[in-house]
N, C-alpha and C. Protein backbone atom coordinates (compact mmCIF):
# COMPACT_ATOMS: atom_id res chain seq x y z
N MET A 1 17.58 7.82 -8.17
CA MET A 1 17.76 6.99 -9.32
C MET A 1 16.60 5.73 -9.50
N LYS A 2 17.36 5.27 -8.56
CA LYS A 2 16.40 3.64 -8.00
C LYS A 2 14.96 3.95 -8.02
N THR A 3 14.23 5.29 -7.43
CA THR A 3 13.13 5.20 -6.94
C THR A 3 12.35 5.73 -8.40
N MET A 4 13.28 6.52 -8.80
CA MET A 4 12.65 6.81 -10.18
C MET A 4 12.54 5.46 -11.32
N ASN A 5 12.68 5.08 -11.30
CA ASN A 5 13.22 3.49 -12.16
C ASN A 5 11.92 2.83 -11.63
N VAL A 6 11.31 2.66 -10.06
CA VAL A 6 10.27 2.24 -9.91
C VAL A 6 9.09 2.99 -10.06
N ILE A 7 9.05 3.95 -10.35
CA ILE A 7 7.80 5.01 -10.65
C ILE A 7 7.64 5.06 -12.00
N VAL A 8 8.62 4.49 -12.91
CA VAL A 8 8.38 4.92 -14.33
C VAL A 8 8.25 3.07 -14.45
N VAL A 9 8.58 1.91 -14.00
CA VAL A 9 7.65 0.84 -13.91
C VAL A 9 6.19 0.47 -13.61
N VAL A 10 6.13 1.39 -12.20
CA VAL A 10 4.96 1.01 -11.82
C VAL A 10 3.57 1.70 -12.50
N LEU A 11 4.05 3.03 -13.34
CA LEU A 11 3.34 3.96 -13.97
C LEU A 11 3.12 3.00 -15.60
N ALA A 12 3.99 2.10 -15.86
CA ALA A 12 4.25 1.42 -17.12
C ALA A 12 2.64 0.15 -16.78
N MET A 13 2.76 -0.69 -15.40
CA MET A 13 1.97 -1.21 -15.19
C MET A 13 0.86 -0.98 -15.12
N ALA A 14 0.47 0.21 -14.55
CA ALA A 14 -0.78 1.00 -14.11
C ALA A 14 -1.53 1.02 -15.61
N VAL A 15 -1.35 1.71 -16.76
CA VAL A 15 -1.68 1.25 -17.44
C VAL A 15 -1.84 0.12 -18.28
N VAL A 16 -1.30 -0.77 -17.96
CA VAL A 16 -1.48 -2.29 -18.60
C VAL A 16 -2.71 -2.62 -17.50
N LEU A 17 -2.95 -2.50 -16.40
CA LEU A 17 -3.72 -3.52 -15.38
C LEU A 17 -4.82 -3.24 -14.79
N LEU A 18 -5.05 -1.78 -15.29
CA LEU A 18 -5.94 -1.22 -14.59
C LEU A 18 -7.29 -1.08 -15.58
N HIS A 19 -6.79 -1.08 -17.19
CA HIS A 19 -7.90 -1.02 -17.74
C HIS A 19 -9.08 -2.67 -17.74
N GLY A 20 -10.08 -2.17 -17.19
CA GLY A 20 -10.68 -4.10 -17.09
C GLY A 20 -10.71 -4.32 -16.00
N ALA A 21 -9.37 -3.94 -14.67
CA ALA A 21 -9.81 -4.41 -13.10
C ALA A 21 -10.62 -4.07 -12.80
N GLU A 22 -11.21 -5.46 -12.01
CA GLU A 22 -12.37 -4.76 -11.26
C GLU A 22 -11.26 -5.19 -9.44
N ALA A 23 -11.89 -4.44 -8.52
CA ALA A 23 -11.01 -3.69 -7.47
C ALA A 23 -12.36 -3.58 -6.69
N VAL A 24 -11.99 -3.73 -4.70
CA VAL A 24 -12.83 -3.75 -3.98
C VAL A 24 -11.58 -2.77 -3.29
N LEU A 25 -12.07 -1.23 -3.17
CA LEU A 25 -11.92 -0.53 -2.13
C LEU A 25 -12.34 -0.40 -0.72
N TYR A 26 -10.81 -0.61 0.41
CA TYR A 26 -10.80 -0.47 1.73
C TYR A 26 -10.21 0.33 2.45
N ILE A 27 -10.90 1.09 2.91
CA ILE A 27 -9.96 2.79 3.78
C ILE A 27 -9.90 2.09 5.11
N VAL A 28 -8.67 2.09 4.91
CA VAL A 28 -7.76 1.40 6.03
C VAL A 28 -8.14 1.71 7.68
N GLY A 29 -8.64 1.16 8.49
CA GLY A 29 -9.16 1.89 9.52
C GLY A 29 -10.02 2.25 9.39
N ASP A 30 -11.28 1.88 8.29
CA ASP A 30 -12.59 2.52 8.60
C ASP A 30 -12.53 4.06 8.99
N ASP A 31 -13.49 4.04 10.19
CA ASP A 31 -13.76 5.76 10.77
C ASP A 31 -12.62 6.34 11.17
N LEU A 32 -11.65 5.78 11.88
CA LEU A 32 -10.22 6.22 12.61
C LEU A 32 -9.42 6.37 11.09
N GLY A 33 -9.58 5.82 9.83
CA GLY A 33 -8.24 6.49 9.16
C GLY A 33 -6.81 6.01 9.46
N TRP A 34 -6.34 6.93 9.19
CA TRP A 34 -5.04 6.78 9.15
C TRP A 34 -4.04 7.59 10.04
N ALA A 35 -4.39 6.92 11.48
CA ALA A 35 -3.92 7.93 13.00
C ALA A 35 -3.07 6.85 13.54
N ILE A 36 -2.66 7.36 14.95
CA ILE A 36 -2.65 7.17 16.00
C ILE A 36 -3.80 6.17 16.69
N PRO A 37 -3.54 4.86 16.45
CA PRO A 37 -4.75 3.85 17.02
C PRO A 37 -5.28 4.47 18.70
N PRO A 38 -6.04 4.65 19.10
CA PRO A 38 -6.82 4.49 20.39
C PRO A 38 -6.33 2.92 21.08
N GLY A 39 -6.15 1.89 20.60
CA GLY A 39 -6.22 0.58 21.16
C GLY A 39 -4.82 0.08 20.65
N GLY A 40 -3.70 0.81 20.21
CA GLY A 40 -2.39 0.58 20.09
C GLY A 40 -1.96 -0.04 18.96
N ALA A 41 -1.24 -0.84 18.46
CA ALA A 41 -0.80 -1.73 17.49
C ALA A 41 -2.41 -2.62 17.14
N ALA A 42 -2.86 -3.40 18.21
CA ALA A 42 -3.74 -4.34 17.83
C ALA A 42 -4.84 -3.84 17.06
N THR A 43 -5.10 -2.32 16.78
CA THR A 43 -6.23 -1.93 16.16
C THR A 43 -6.29 -2.37 14.78
N TYR A 44 -5.08 -1.93 14.21
CA TYR A 44 -4.74 -2.12 12.40
C TYR A 44 -5.07 -3.56 12.35
N ALA A 45 -3.95 -4.59 13.14
CA ALA A 45 -3.83 -5.14 13.24
C ALA A 45 -5.29 -6.05 13.07
N ALA A 46 -6.00 -6.00 13.83
CA ALA A 46 -7.56 -6.60 13.88
C ALA A 46 -8.15 -6.14 12.84
N TRP A 47 -8.04 -5.07 12.43
CA TRP A 47 -8.36 -4.13 10.93
C TRP A 47 -8.23 -5.53 9.83
N ALA A 48 -6.82 -5.30 10.11
CA ALA A 48 -6.64 -6.36 8.75
C ALA A 48 -7.15 -7.56 8.86
N ALA A 49 -7.18 -8.51 9.69
CA ALA A 49 -7.72 -9.75 10.01
C ALA A 49 -9.16 -9.39 9.82
N GLU A 50 -10.05 -8.74 9.64
CA GLU A 50 -11.39 -8.84 9.21
C GLU A 50 -11.48 -8.43 7.32
N HIS A 51 -10.47 -8.65 7.06
CA HIS A 51 -10.70 -8.46 5.66
C HIS A 51 -9.73 -9.30 4.92
N SER A 52 -10.34 -9.99 3.60
CA SER A 52 -9.33 -10.86 2.62
C SER A 52 -8.99 -9.93 1.62
N PHE A 53 -7.75 -9.24 1.53
CA PHE A 53 -7.44 -8.47 0.26
C PHE A 53 -6.81 -9.60 -0.60
N VAL A 54 -6.87 -9.14 -1.99
CA VAL A 54 -6.68 -9.82 -3.09
C VAL A 54 -6.00 -9.21 -3.92
N VAL A 55 -5.52 -9.83 -4.98
CA VAL A 55 -4.38 -8.90 -6.23
C VAL A 55 -5.89 -7.86 -6.65
N ASN A 56 -5.59 -6.60 -7.36
CA ASN A 56 -6.43 -5.45 -7.48
C ASN A 56 -6.98 -5.02 -6.89
N ASP A 57 -7.20 -5.25 -5.29
CA ASP A 57 -7.92 -4.85 -4.15
C ASP A 57 -7.22 -3.19 -3.91
N GLU A 58 -8.13 -2.57 -3.90
CA GLU A 58 -7.35 -0.98 -3.50
C GLU A 58 -7.50 -0.58 -2.03
N LEU A 59 -6.75 -0.06 -1.36
CA LEU A 59 -6.32 0.44 0.05
C LEU A 59 -6.13 2.06 0.16
N GLU A 60 -7.24 2.51 0.83
CA GLU A 60 -7.08 4.03 0.92
C GLU A 60 -6.93 4.57 1.89
N PHE A 61 -5.46 5.24 2.21
CA PHE A 61 -4.91 5.73 3.29
C PHE A 61 -5.48 6.63 3.68
N ASP A 62 -6.56 7.61 4.67
CA ASP A 62 -7.19 8.58 4.82
C ASP A 62 -6.09 9.91 5.45
N PHE A 63 -5.74 10.64 5.38
CA PHE A 63 -4.83 11.20 6.11
C PHE A 63 -4.82 12.67 6.39
N ALA A 64 -5.09 14.02 7.11
CA ALA A 64 -4.12 15.26 6.33
C ALA A 64 -3.35 15.48 6.13
N VAL A 65 -2.69 16.56 5.51
CA VAL A 65 -1.11 16.54 4.93
C VAL A 65 -1.13 17.22 5.90
N GLY A 66 0.51 16.97 6.18
CA GLY A 66 1.64 17.43 7.32
C GLY A 66 0.79 16.58 8.97
N GLU A 67 -0.27 16.11 9.06
CA GLU A 67 -0.74 15.57 10.52
C GLU A 67 0.04 14.63 10.25
N GLN A 68 -0.08 13.37 9.39
CA GLN A 68 0.46 12.01 9.23
C GLN A 68 0.84 11.86 7.61
N ASP A 69 2.00 10.69 7.89
CA ASP A 69 2.39 10.05 6.61
C ASP A 69 2.51 8.75 6.67
N LEU A 70 2.74 7.94 5.67
CA LEU A 70 2.85 7.00 5.36
C LEU A 70 4.02 5.79 4.30
N ALA A 71 4.48 5.15 5.06
CA ALA A 71 5.67 4.77 4.43
C ALA A 71 5.63 3.14 4.50
N LEU A 72 6.23 2.89 3.01
CA LEU A 72 6.48 1.59 2.76
C LEU A 72 7.52 0.90 3.26
N VAL A 73 7.73 0.19 4.10
CA VAL A 73 8.94 -0.45 5.12
C VAL A 73 9.52 -2.00 5.25
N THR A 74 10.55 -2.62 5.54
CA THR A 74 10.57 -3.74 4.87
C THR A 74 9.92 -4.63 6.38
N LYS A 75 10.21 -5.35 6.28
CA LYS A 75 9.69 -6.48 7.46
C LYS A 75 10.56 -6.52 8.94
N ASP A 76 11.89 -5.99 8.89
CA ASP A 76 12.76 -5.77 10.35
C ASP A 76 11.85 -4.49 10.44
N ASP A 77 12.35 -3.26 9.56
CA ASP A 77 11.67 -1.91 9.92
C ASP A 77 10.78 -1.99 10.84
N TYR A 78 9.44 -2.58 9.99
CA TYR A 78 8.20 -2.91 10.69
C TYR A 78 8.31 -3.33 11.79
N ASP A 79 8.88 -4.20 11.89
CA ASP A 79 8.79 -4.97 13.36
C ASP A 79 10.08 -4.20 14.63
N SER A 80 10.94 -3.42 14.06
CA SER A 80 11.66 -2.72 14.93
C SER A 80 11.36 -1.21 14.96
N CYS A 81 10.25 -1.22 14.05
CA CYS A 81 9.97 1.03 14.45
C CYS A 81 10.86 1.67 13.69
N ASN A 82 11.69 1.37 12.97
CA ASN A 82 12.84 2.16 12.30
C ASN A 82 12.44 2.01 10.97
N THR A 83 11.88 3.30 10.84
CA THR A 83 11.53 4.19 9.61
C THR A 83 12.45 5.41 9.29
N ALA A 84 13.88 5.13 9.28
CA ALA A 84 15.03 6.22 8.97
C ALA A 84 14.97 5.92 7.17
N ASP A 85 14.57 5.02 6.89
CA ASP A 85 14.92 4.54 5.53
C ASP A 85 13.67 3.85 4.74
N PRO A 86 12.91 4.66 4.76
CA PRO A 86 11.60 3.91 4.04
C PRO A 86 11.89 3.46 2.58
N LEU A 87 10.86 2.40 2.11
CA LEU A 87 11.23 1.95 0.22
C LEU A 87 10.34 3.54 -0.19
N LEU A 88 9.41 3.83 0.53
CA LEU A 88 8.30 4.52 -0.14
C LEU A 88 7.73 5.60 0.45
N LEU A 89 7.52 6.53 0.66
CA LEU A 89 7.18 7.72 1.57
C LEU A 89 5.87 8.43 0.98
N PHE A 90 4.68 8.76 1.94
CA PHE A 90 3.67 9.31 1.16
C PHE A 90 3.59 10.30 2.08
N GLN A 91 3.51 11.52 0.96
CA GLN A 91 3.48 13.06 2.36
C GLN A 91 1.43 13.51 2.59
N GLU A 92 0.80 12.28 1.83
CA GLU A 92 -0.48 13.03 1.76
C GLU A 92 -1.52 11.98 1.25
N ALA A 93 -2.26 12.03 1.54
CA ALA A 93 -3.53 10.77 1.66
C ALA A 93 -3.71 10.08 0.02
N VAL A 94 -3.26 8.78 0.06
CA VAL A 94 -3.00 8.04 -1.08
C VAL A 94 -4.00 6.57 -1.00
N THR A 95 -4.65 6.10 -2.22
CA THR A 95 -4.95 4.95 -2.35
C THR A 95 -3.98 4.01 -3.32
N LEU A 96 -3.74 2.49 -2.91
CA LEU A 96 -2.67 1.63 -3.48
C LEU A 96 -3.49 0.90 -4.28
N GLN A 97 -3.19 0.62 -5.33
CA GLN A 97 -3.94 -0.63 -5.62
C GLN A 97 -2.69 -2.19 -5.88
N PHE A 98 -2.94 -2.93 -4.82
CA PHE A 98 -1.70 -3.82 -5.34
C PHE A 98 -1.85 -5.13 -6.59
N ILE A 99 -1.28 -4.95 -7.44
CA ILE A 99 -0.93 -5.93 -8.66
C ILE A 99 -0.22 -7.09 -8.42
N ALA A 100 -0.10 -7.33 -7.17
CA ALA A 100 0.95 -8.88 -6.57
C ALA A 100 0.82 -9.13 -5.38
N SER A 101 0.74 -10.58 -5.24
CA SER A 101 0.52 -11.20 -3.89
C SER A 101 1.86 -10.70 -3.22
N ASP A 102 1.72 -10.79 -2.24
CA ASP A 102 2.50 -10.32 -1.06
C ASP A 102 1.85 -9.93 0.01
N THR A 103 3.08 -9.89 1.70
CA THR A 103 2.76 -8.89 2.24
C THR A 103 3.65 -7.91 2.45
N PHE A 104 2.77 -6.67 2.85
CA PHE A 104 3.26 -5.03 2.69
C PHE A 104 3.11 -4.58 4.03
N TYR A 105 4.23 -3.96 4.27
CA TYR A 105 4.20 -3.22 5.84
C TYR A 105 4.44 -2.25 5.63
N PHE A 106 3.70 -1.12 6.50
CA PHE A 106 3.19 0.69 6.27
C PHE A 106 3.47 0.32 7.98
N THR A 107 4.14 2.09 7.63
CA THR A 107 3.82 2.71 9.23
C THR A 107 4.31 4.41 8.93
N SER A 108 4.20 5.16 9.67
CA SER A 108 3.99 6.19 10.07
C SER A 108 5.61 6.75 10.46
N THR A 109 6.52 7.32 9.48
CA THR A 109 7.29 7.99 9.87
C THR A 109 7.42 9.25 10.90
N LEU A 110 7.03 9.98 11.39
CA LEU A 110 6.86 10.86 12.23
C LEU A 110 7.06 10.16 13.76
N ALA A 111 7.66 10.65 14.22
CA ALA A 111 8.37 10.66 16.16
C ALA A 111 7.07 10.01 16.69
N GLY A 112 7.68 8.67 17.00
CA GLY A 112 6.91 8.01 18.38
C GLY A 112 5.35 7.23 17.47
N HIS A 113 5.07 7.43 16.32
CA HIS A 113 3.83 7.15 15.83
C HIS A 113 3.90 5.80 15.43
N CYS A 114 4.81 5.24 15.05
CA CYS A 114 5.55 3.44 14.81
C CYS A 114 4.75 3.09 16.68
N THR A 115 5.75 2.95 17.24
CA THR A 115 6.05 2.58 18.72
C THR A 115 4.38 2.67 19.30
N LYS A 116 3.43 3.87 18.91
CA LYS A 116 2.31 4.11 19.53
C LYS A 116 1.16 3.14 18.97
N GLY A 117 1.59 2.37 17.79
CA GLY A 117 0.65 1.39 17.34
C GLY A 117 0.10 1.55 15.95
N GLN A 118 0.45 2.95 15.02
CA GLN A 118 0.59 3.53 13.65
C GLN A 118 1.55 3.01 12.55
N LYS A 119 1.08 1.24 12.53
CA LYS A 119 1.31 0.60 11.74
C LYS A 119 0.73 -0.86 11.42
N ILE A 120 0.33 -1.09 10.28
CA ILE A 120 -0.51 -2.49 9.57
C ILE A 120 1.03 -2.98 8.81
N ALA A 121 0.05 -4.47 8.51
CA ALA A 121 0.92 -5.48 7.99
C ALA A 121 -0.23 -5.76 6.83
N ILE A 122 -0.34 -6.11 5.68
CA ILE A 122 -1.33 -6.02 4.85
C ILE A 122 -0.62 -7.11 4.19
N TYR A 123 -1.60 -8.36 4.16
CA TYR A 123 -1.60 -9.59 3.01
C TYR A 123 -2.48 -9.61 1.89
N ILE A 124 -1.82 -9.65 0.93
CA ILE A 124 -2.42 -9.71 -0.15
C ILE A 124 -2.56 -11.15 -1.09
N GLY A 125 -3.62 -11.81 -1.30
CA GLY A 125 -3.60 -12.79 -1.82
C GLY A 125 -3.93 -13.15 -3.01
N ALA A 126 -3.68 -14.14 -3.97
CA ALA A 126 -3.91 -14.42 -5.48
C ALA A 126 -4.98 -13.70 -5.58
N ALA A 127 -4.97 -13.38 -7.20
CA ALA A 127 -6.43 -12.45 -7.27
C ALA A 127 -7.34 -13.79 -7.40
N LEU A 128 -8.54 -13.44 -7.48
CA LEU A 128 -9.70 -14.03 -7.40
C LEU A 128 -9.88 -14.75 -8.73
N PRO A 129 -10.37 -15.75 -8.80
CA PRO A 129 -10.66 -16.68 -10.50
C PRO A 129 -11.31 -15.34 -11.37
N PRO A 130 -10.98 -15.38 -12.71
CA PRO A 130 -10.87 -14.48 -13.72
C PRO A 130 -12.57 -14.40 -13.83
N SER A 131 -13.24 -13.16 -14.11
CA SER A 131 -14.36 -13.28 -14.78
C SER A 131 -14.53 -13.82 -15.83
N PRO A 132 -15.98 -13.88 -16.92
CA PRO A 132 -15.98 -14.81 -18.12
C PRO A 132 -15.55 -14.01 -19.12
N SER A 133 -15.93 -12.59 -18.80
CA SER A 133 -14.95 -11.87 -19.91
C SER A 133 -13.86 -12.26 -20.32
N PRO A 134 -12.51 -12.48 -20.97
CA PRO A 134 -11.28 -12.42 -20.83
C PRO A 134 -10.72 -11.05 -20.83
N VAL A 135 -9.69 -11.05 -20.02
CA VAL A 135 -9.20 -9.75 -19.67
C VAL A 135 -7.70 -9.92 -20.32
N PRO A 136 -7.06 -8.82 -20.88
CA PRO A 136 -5.55 -9.38 -21.43
C PRO A 136 -4.94 -9.30 -20.16
N SER A 137 -3.47 -10.56 -20.89
CA SER A 137 -2.21 -10.91 -19.70
C SER A 137 -1.63 -9.53 -19.37
N PRO A 138 -1.37 -8.97 -18.17
CA PRO A 138 -0.51 -8.25 -17.77
C PRO A 138 1.13 -8.11 -18.53
N THR A 139 1.53 -7.35 -18.80
CA THR A 139 3.31 -7.28 -19.63
C THR A 139 3.80 -7.75 -18.32
N PRO A 140 5.02 -8.43 -18.32
CA PRO A 140 5.78 -8.82 -17.15
C PRO A 140 6.49 -7.70 -16.64
N CYS A 141 6.59 -7.19 -15.73
CA CYS A 141 7.66 -6.52 -15.09
C CYS A 141 9.08 -6.62 -15.20
N PRO A 142 9.95 -6.34 -15.88
CA PRO A 142 11.24 -5.77 -16.10
C PRO A 142 12.12 -6.55 -14.70
N SER A 143 12.79 -7.00 -14.91
CA SER A 143 13.46 -7.57 -13.44
C SER A 143 14.08 -6.24 -12.50
N ALA A 144 13.88 -6.17 -11.63
CA ALA A 144 14.40 -5.86 -10.28
C ALA A 144 16.14 -5.60 -10.31
N SER A 145 16.47 -4.60 -9.87
CA SER A 145 17.67 -4.93 -9.29
C SER A 145 17.98 -5.04 -7.81
N SER A 146 17.00 -5.31 -7.41
CA SER A 146 16.93 -5.18 -5.64
C SER A 146 15.67 -6.28 -5.27
N ALA A 147 15.53 -6.83 -3.96
CA ALA A 147 14.11 -6.96 -3.31
C ALA A 147 13.40 -5.86 -3.45
N ASP A 148 14.06 -4.91 -2.91
CA ASP A 148 13.21 -3.53 -2.61
C ASP A 148 12.76 -3.21 -3.30
N ASP A 149 13.25 -3.09 -5.00
CA ASP A 149 12.95 -2.60 -6.34
C ASP A 149 11.79 -3.21 -6.72
N ALA A 150 11.49 -4.63 -5.97
CA ALA A 150 10.65 -5.64 -7.13
C ALA A 150 9.64 -5.28 -6.12
N LEU A 151 9.63 -4.98 -4.75
CA LEU A 151 8.52 -5.14 -3.22
C LEU A 151 7.68 -3.57 -3.96
N THR A 152 8.75 -2.97 -4.25
CA THR A 152 7.88 -1.27 -4.38
C THR A 152 6.99 -1.21 -5.99
N ALA A 153 7.39 -2.69 -6.83
CA ALA A 153 6.50 -2.36 -8.08
C ALA A 153 5.52 -3.20 -8.18
N LYS A 154 4.56 -3.67 -7.00
CA LYS A 154 3.88 -4.68 -6.77
C LYS A 154 2.57 -4.09 -6.16
N PHE A 155 2.16 -2.24 -6.26
CA PHE A 155 1.06 -2.33 -6.39
C PHE A 155 1.49 -0.53 -7.34
N VAL A 156 0.15 0.31 -7.52
CA VAL A 156 0.18 1.37 -7.96
C VAL A 156 -0.43 2.38 -7.02
N SER A 157 -0.12 3.31 -6.83
CA SER A 157 -0.35 4.37 -6.39
C SER A 157 -1.34 5.63 -6.95
N HIS A 158 -2.24 6.26 -6.17
CA HIS A 158 -3.31 6.66 -7.31
C HIS A 158 -3.43 8.08 -5.64
N LYS A 159 -2.89 9.12 -6.68
CA LYS A 159 -3.31 10.08 -5.68
C LYS A 159 -4.50 10.59 -4.69
N ILE A 160 -5.08 10.81 -4.38
CA ILE A 160 -6.84 10.96 -3.55
C ILE A 160 -6.94 12.14 -3.53
N MET A 161 -8.33 13.06 -3.97
CA MET A 161 -8.09 14.11 -3.86
C MET A 161 -8.56 14.72 -2.11
N ALA A 162 -8.43 16.09 -1.57
CA ALA A 162 -8.51 16.40 -0.47
C ALA A 162 -10.63 16.41 -0.17
N LYS A 163 -10.63 16.15 1.02
CA LYS A 163 -12.38 16.19 0.91
C LYS A 163 -13.11 17.67 0.75
N GLY A 164 -13.72 17.25 -0.43
CA GLY A 164 -14.65 19.00 -0.34
C GLY A 164 -14.14 19.63 -1.44
N ASN A 165 -12.90 18.80 -1.99
CA ASN A 165 -12.90 19.28 -3.39
C ASN A 165 -13.51 18.70 -4.81
């Protein structure tokens, strides 16, 4: 039930925020995509350090269904590679648009993937100054019942189509 409430809030926020929002699209890992990195965790840490992400930017996690997954986890679970109870789990490729400044922690729940370096911490900075065209202010998000609910309502998920479709 908690997840359903978060999805409703996120979808409502998406309608308000996506109208007229400018965003930069990043492919996580560039050509590597979302996979066990050959250089371990340093690979994704270096990739994230090369970019300055801000509110409204989009990150695409590209992977084949059944070969990978993507989990949003807490910092403690990220640090310990505990994937038993992720905040959100995506079973297919996804593009996430971030609508609030925060640090987000992602990994894979598949056995051994996190410990082999398939995890990334993404810091989303404050939005860039507004463009000359006025953009309507977003409607505030209703109060969340827990810190986990508040965290999960800070980005919008967009399902991406499999390549070739």
